[in-house]
Structure formats: C-alpha cells, structure tokens
Amino acid sequence: MILTTLESVPGKSISQHLGLVQGSTVRAKHAGRDLMAGLKNIFGGELKGYTELLHESREEAISRMVEQAQSIGANAILNIRFSTSSITQGASELFTYGTAVKLD
C-alpha cells in the first residue's frame, strides 16, 4: 500500500478513484503520564509519555485507514491528512483520512 500526502505518485497514474477512507482512535491520558508531565512542566524537557501516546495513536489511525482501503481494493491512499479533536477532558481523537485509489 502506497501512502502519501501528495495528490499523485510520480511515475504512476490513477486508474480508479475509490473514495474517501478514514481511520481514528480516541485515547485518554494516563494518570502516571500526567504526573510526569507535571514534573516536566516545572523542570522542562520532552514529555516522552505523551510523545509515545501520540505515536501509538497515529499508527493505530493509519492502520485502520489502510484496512478500510484494502477492503475496497485500493493499492494507494493519496492526500493523507491528520486531525485531532478533544472528545472530553483528558481524552482526544486522532483522525486520519485520504483518498483511496488504484494506481497503474
């Protein structure tokens, strides 16, 4: 599966447009991570617990989007975008979407 933020893939042509595909995950903060984040706010530095949480969220959302694209016969997803939103205090959604296509 080719994944790209571009609107096309150089050297390839789109033979079929299959439509929008998406994937999302909703994650809540972990109390232990919040405690460590509070300490980092005092002393400074990277919030590694949150960095890991965001990485896991992106990977899960991409995986779900790819699964949807494969189920409709796509071999590429173009123009991929990410979005986040707050669902409730302490929980956020990471949403990814793109255009599923068949490339020659």
N, C-alpha and C. Protein backbone atom coordinates (compact mmCIF):
# COMPACT_ATOMS: atom_id res chain seq x y z
N MET A 1 0.86 -1.18 0.00
CA MET A 1 0.00 0.00 0.00
C MET A 1 0.90 1.23 0.00
N ILE A 2 0.71 2.09 -0.99
CA ILE A 2 1.44 3.35 -1.05
C ILE A 2 0.64 4.39 -0.26
N LEU A 3 1.31 5.05 0.68
CA LEU A 3 0.69 6.10 1.48
C LEU A 3 1.45 7.39 1.23
N THR A 4 0.73 8.46 0.90
CA THR A 4 1.41 9.73 0.63
C THR A 4 0.50 10.92 0.93
N THR A 5 1.16 12.03 1.26
CA THR A 5 0.42 13.28 1.44
C THR A 5 0.29 14.03 0.11
N LEU A 6 0.92 13.50 -0.93
CA LEU A 6 0.82 14.11 -2.26
C LEU A 6 -0.51 13.78 -2.90
N GLU A 7 -0.88 14.56 -3.93
CA GLU A 7 -2.12 14.31 -4.66
C GLU A 7 -1.94 13.28 -5.76
N SER A 8 -0.72 12.91 -6.04
CA SER A 8 -0.42 11.89 -7.04
C SER A 8 0.91 11.24 -6.67
N VAL A 9 1.23 10.16 -7.36
CA VAL A 9 2.51 9.48 -7.14
C VAL A 9 3.30 9.62 -8.44
N PRO A 10 4.47 10.26 -8.38
CA PRO A 10 5.26 10.44 -9.59
C PRO A 10 5.53 9.11 -10.30
N GLY A 11 5.30 9.10 -11.60
CA GLY A 11 5.54 7.91 -12.40
C GLY A 11 4.38 6.92 -12.41
N LYS A 12 3.33 7.20 -11.66
CA LYS A 12 2.16 6.31 -11.61
C LYS A 12 0.93 7.09 -12.07
N SER A 13 -0.02 6.37 -12.62
CA SER A 13 -1.28 7.02 -12.99
C SER A 13 -2.42 6.37 -12.23
N ILE A 14 -3.42 7.17 -11.93
CA ILE A 14 -4.59 6.70 -11.20
C ILE A 14 -5.53 6.03 -12.20
N SER A 15 -5.79 4.75 -11.96
CA SER A 15 -6.70 4.04 -12.86
C SER A 15 -8.12 4.00 -12.32
N GLN A 16 -8.25 4.15 -11.00
CA GLN A 16 -9.59 4.14 -10.41
C GLN A 16 -9.59 4.93 -9.11
N HIS A 17 -10.60 5.78 -8.95
CA HIS A 17 -10.82 6.55 -7.73
C HIS A 17 -11.84 5.80 -6.89
N LEU A 18 -11.48 5.43 -5.66
CA LEU A 18 -12.36 4.62 -4.84
C LEU A 18 -13.01 5.39 -3.69
N GLY A 19 -12.61 6.63 -3.49
CA GLY A 19 -13.26 7.48 -2.50
C GLY A 19 -12.49 7.68 -1.21
N LEU A 20 -13.14 8.33 -0.30
CA LEU A 20 -12.55 8.69 1.00
C LEU A 20 -12.42 7.46 1.89
N VAL A 21 -11.26 7.34 2.54
CA VAL A 21 -11.06 6.33 3.58
C VAL A 21 -10.58 7.06 4.82
N GLN A 22 -10.85 6.45 5.97
CA GLN A 22 -10.51 7.13 7.21
C GLN A 22 -10.18 6.13 8.30
N GLY A 23 -9.52 6.63 9.31
CA GLY A 23 -9.23 5.83 10.50
C GLY A 23 -9.13 6.76 11.68
N SER A 24 -9.54 6.29 12.84
CA SER A 24 -9.44 7.15 14.02
C SER A 24 -9.23 6.31 15.27
N THR A 25 -8.80 6.97 16.30
CA THR A 25 -8.68 6.36 17.61
C THR A 25 -8.90 7.46 18.65
N VAL A 26 -9.50 7.08 19.75
CA VAL A 26 -9.70 8.01 20.87
C VAL A 26 -8.88 7.48 22.03
N ARG A 27 -8.05 8.34 22.57
CA ARG A 27 -7.15 7.95 23.66
C ARG A 27 -7.33 8.88 24.84
N ALA A 28 -7.21 8.29 26.02
CA ALA A 28 -7.27 9.06 27.26
C ALA A 28 -5.88 9.17 27.84
N LYS A 29 -5.64 10.24 28.56
CA LYS A 29 -4.37 10.42 29.24
C LYS A 29 -4.27 9.41 30.38
N HIS A 30 -3.06 9.07 30.73
CA HIS A 30 -2.77 8.13 31.81
C HIS A 30 -2.32 8.93 33.04
N ALA A 31 -2.84 8.59 34.20
CA ALA A 31 -2.53 9.33 35.43
C ALA A 31 -1.02 9.41 35.67
N GLY A 32 -0.31 8.31 35.44
CA GLY A 32 1.14 8.31 35.62
C GLY A 32 1.83 9.26 34.67
N ARG A 33 1.35 9.30 33.43
CA ARG A 33 1.93 10.23 32.45
C ARG A 33 1.65 11.67 32.84
N ASP A 34 0.45 11.92 33.40
CA ASP A 34 0.11 13.27 33.84
C ASP A 34 1.04 13.73 34.96
N LEU A 35 1.35 12.83 35.88
CA LEU A 35 2.25 13.16 36.98
C LEU A 35 3.63 13.54 36.44
N MET A 36 4.15 12.73 35.53
CA MET A 36 5.47 13.01 34.95
C MET A 36 5.43 14.29 34.11
N ALA A 37 4.34 14.52 33.41
CA ALA A 37 4.21 15.74 32.61
C ALA A 37 4.22 16.97 33.52
N GLY A 38 3.57 16.86 34.67
CA GLY A 38 3.58 17.97 35.62
C GLY A 38 4.98 18.29 36.08
N LEU A 39 5.78 17.27 36.33
CA LEU A 39 7.18 17.49 36.73
C LEU A 39 7.98 18.11 35.60
N LYS A 40 7.74 17.66 34.38
CA LYS A 40 8.45 18.23 33.22
C LYS A 40 8.09 19.70 33.03
N ASN A 41 6.86 20.07 33.35
CA ASN A 41 6.45 21.47 33.24
C ASN A 41 7.27 22.34 34.18
N ILE A 42 7.67 21.78 35.30
CA ILE A 42 8.48 22.53 36.27
C ILE A 42 9.93 22.60 35.81
N PHE A 43 10.48 21.46 35.38
CA PHE A 43 11.91 21.38 35.07
C PHE A 43 12.22 21.49 33.58
N GLY A 44 11.22 21.34 32.74
CA GLY A 44 11.42 21.43 31.30
C GLY A 44 11.81 20.09 30.69
N GLY A 45 11.69 19.98 29.39
CA GLY A 45 12.07 18.76 28.68
C GLY A 45 10.91 18.17 27.91
N GLU A 46 11.25 17.16 27.13
CA GLU A 46 10.24 16.48 26.31
C GLU A 46 9.32 15.64 27.19
N LEU A 47 8.04 15.67 26.85
CA LEU A 47 7.05 14.84 27.54
C LEU A 47 6.98 13.51 26.80
N LYS A 48 7.92 12.62 27.10
CA LYS A 48 8.07 11.37 26.35
C LYS A 48 6.84 10.48 26.42
N GLY A 49 6.16 10.48 27.55
CA GLY A 49 4.93 9.67 27.67
C GLY A 49 3.88 10.11 26.67
N TYR A 50 3.74 11.42 26.50
CA TYR A 50 2.77 11.93 25.53
C TYR A 50 3.24 11.73 24.09
N THR A 51 4.55 11.83 23.88
CA THR A 51 5.10 11.57 22.54
C THR A 51 4.79 10.15 22.13
N GLU A 52 4.99 9.20 23.04
CA GLU A 52 4.68 7.79 22.76
C GLU A 52 3.18 7.60 22.51
N LEU A 53 2.35 8.25 23.31
CA LEU A 53 0.91 8.15 23.17
C LEU A 53 0.46 8.64 21.79
N LEU A 54 1.00 9.78 21.35
CA LEU A 54 0.65 10.31 20.03
C LEU A 54 1.15 9.41 18.91
N HIS A 55 2.36 8.86 19.08
CA HIS A 55 2.88 7.94 18.06
C HIS A 55 1.98 6.71 17.94
N GLU A 56 1.60 6.13 19.06
CA GLU A 56 0.71 4.96 19.05
C GLU A 56 -0.64 5.30 18.41
N SER A 57 -1.14 6.49 18.72
CA SER A 57 -2.43 6.92 18.16
C SER A 57 -2.35 7.08 16.65
N ARG A 58 -1.28 7.71 16.15
CA ARG A 58 -1.11 7.87 14.70
C ARG A 58 -1.03 6.51 14.01
N GLU A 59 -0.24 5.61 14.58
CA GLU A 59 -0.08 4.28 13.98
C GLU A 59 -1.42 3.52 13.93
N GLU A 60 -2.20 3.61 15.00
CA GLU A 60 -3.50 2.92 15.05
C GLU A 60 -4.46 3.52 14.02
N ALA A 61 -4.52 4.85 13.93
CA ALA A 61 -5.42 5.51 12.98
C ALA A 61 -5.02 5.17 11.54
N ILE A 62 -3.72 5.17 11.24
CA ILE A 62 -3.24 4.82 9.90
C ILE A 62 -3.59 3.38 9.58
N SER A 63 -3.37 2.49 10.52
CA SER A 63 -3.67 1.08 10.32
C SER A 63 -5.14 0.87 9.99
N ARG A 64 -6.02 1.56 10.68
CA ARG A 64 -7.46 1.43 10.42
C ARG A 64 -7.84 1.99 9.05
N MET A 65 -7.18 3.09 8.65
CA MET A 65 -7.44 3.67 7.35
C MET A 65 -6.97 2.72 6.24
N VAL A 66 -5.79 2.14 6.41
CA VAL A 66 -5.25 1.20 5.42
C VAL A 66 -6.15 -0.02 5.31
N GLU A 67 -6.61 -0.53 6.44
CA GLU A 67 -7.52 -1.68 6.43
C GLU A 67 -8.78 -1.39 5.63
N GLN A 68 -9.34 -0.19 5.81
CA GLN A 68 -10.53 0.19 5.06
C GLN A 68 -10.22 0.27 3.56
N ALA A 69 -9.07 0.86 3.22
CA ALA A 69 -8.69 1.00 1.81
C ALA A 69 -8.49 -0.37 1.16
N GLN A 70 -7.85 -1.28 1.87
CA GLN A 70 -7.63 -2.63 1.33
C GLN A 70 -8.96 -3.35 1.09
N SER A 71 -9.92 -3.11 1.98
CA SER A 71 -11.21 -3.79 1.86
C SER A 71 -11.99 -3.37 0.61
N ILE A 72 -11.65 -2.22 0.04
CA ILE A 72 -12.33 -1.76 -1.18
C ILE A 72 -11.44 -1.90 -2.42
N GLY A 73 -10.29 -2.54 -2.24
CA GLY A 73 -9.43 -2.84 -3.38
C GLY A 73 -8.40 -1.81 -3.75
N ALA A 74 -8.12 -0.86 -2.89
CA ALA A 74 -7.14 0.18 -3.19
C ALA A 74 -5.72 -0.37 -3.04
N ASN A 75 -4.80 0.23 -3.80
CA ASN A 75 -3.39 -0.08 -3.60
C ASN A 75 -2.59 1.16 -3.22
N ALA A 76 -3.32 2.28 -3.00
CA ALA A 76 -2.67 3.51 -2.56
C ALA A 76 -3.69 4.43 -1.89
N ILE A 77 -3.18 5.26 -0.99
CA ILE A 77 -4.00 6.31 -0.38
C ILE A 77 -3.25 7.61 -0.58
N LEU A 78 -3.90 8.55 -1.24
CA LEU A 78 -3.30 9.83 -1.57
C LEU A 78 -3.85 10.95 -0.69
N ASN A 79 -3.09 12.04 -0.65
CA ASN A 79 -3.53 13.26 0.02
C ASN A 79 -3.92 13.01 1.49
N ILE A 80 -3.12 12.23 2.20
CA ILE A 80 -3.42 11.88 3.60
C ILE A 80 -3.28 13.10 4.50
N ARG A 81 -4.24 13.23 5.39
CA ARG A 81 -4.26 14.33 6.36
C ARG A 81 -4.56 13.78 7.75
N PHE A 82 -4.15 14.54 8.77
CA PHE A 82 -4.41 14.19 10.16
C PHE A 82 -5.16 15.33 10.83
N SER A 83 -5.99 14.98 11.78
CA SER A 83 -6.74 15.97 12.54
C SER A 83 -6.88 15.45 13.97
N THR A 84 -6.93 16.37 14.91
CA THR A 84 -7.17 15.98 16.31
C THR A 84 -8.33 16.80 16.85
N SER A 85 -9.01 16.24 17.82
CA SER A 85 -10.08 16.98 18.49
C SER A 85 -10.22 16.46 19.91
N SER A 86 -10.66 17.33 20.77
CA SER A 86 -10.89 16.96 22.16
C SER A 86 -12.29 16.36 22.26
N ILE A 87 -12.38 15.17 22.84
CA ILE A 87 -13.66 14.50 23.00
C ILE A 87 -14.27 14.84 24.35
N THR A 88 -13.45 14.77 25.38
CA THR A 88 -13.85 15.10 26.74
C THR A 88 -12.57 15.47 27.48
N GLN A 89 -12.69 15.98 28.67
CA GLN A 89 -11.49 16.35 29.41
C GLN A 89 -10.60 15.11 29.60
N GLY A 90 -9.39 15.20 29.11
CA GLY A 90 -8.44 14.10 29.25
C GLY A 90 -8.47 13.07 28.13
N ALA A 91 -9.36 13.25 27.14
CA ALA A 91 -9.42 12.29 26.02
C ALA A 91 -9.51 13.04 24.70
N SER A 92 -8.75 12.55 23.72
CA SER A 92 -8.72 13.19 22.41
C SER A 92 -8.82 12.15 21.31
N GLU A 93 -9.34 12.60 20.17
CA GLU A 93 -9.40 11.74 18.99
C GLU A 93 -8.31 12.17 18.03
N LEU A 94 -7.64 11.18 17.45
CA LEU A 94 -6.74 11.42 16.34
C LEU A 94 -7.40 10.78 15.12
N PHE A 95 -7.61 11.57 14.08
CA PHE A 95 -8.36 11.17 12.90
C PHE A 95 -7.46 11.34 11.69
N THR A 96 -7.39 10.34 10.83
CA THR A 96 -6.65 10.46 9.59
C THR A 96 -7.56 10.07 8.42
N TYR A 97 -7.34 10.73 7.28
CA TYR A 97 -8.19 10.45 6.12
C TYR A 97 -7.40 10.71 4.85
N GLY A 98 -7.85 10.09 3.78
CA GLY A 98 -7.21 10.27 2.49
C GLY A 98 -8.10 9.71 1.39
N THR A 99 -7.58 9.75 0.17
CA THR A 99 -8.31 9.29 -1.00
C THR A 99 -7.75 7.93 -1.43
N ALA A 100 -8.60 6.92 -1.41
CA ALA A 100 -8.21 5.58 -1.85
C ALA A 100 -8.29 5.50 -3.37
N VAL A 101 -7.23 4.96 -3.96
CA VAL A 101 -7.17 4.83 -5.41
C VAL A 101 -6.49 3.52 -5.79
N LYS A 102 -6.67 3.17 -7.08
CA LYS A 102 -5.88 2.12 -7.69
C LYS A 102 -4.91 2.80 -8.63
N LEU A 103 -3.64 2.47 -8.48
CA LEU A 103 -2.61 3.02 -9.36
C LEU A 103 -2.15 1.97 -10.35
N ASP A 104 -1.78 2.43 -11.55
CA ASP A 104 -1.19 1.53 -12.56
C ASP A 104 0.30 1.51 -12.36
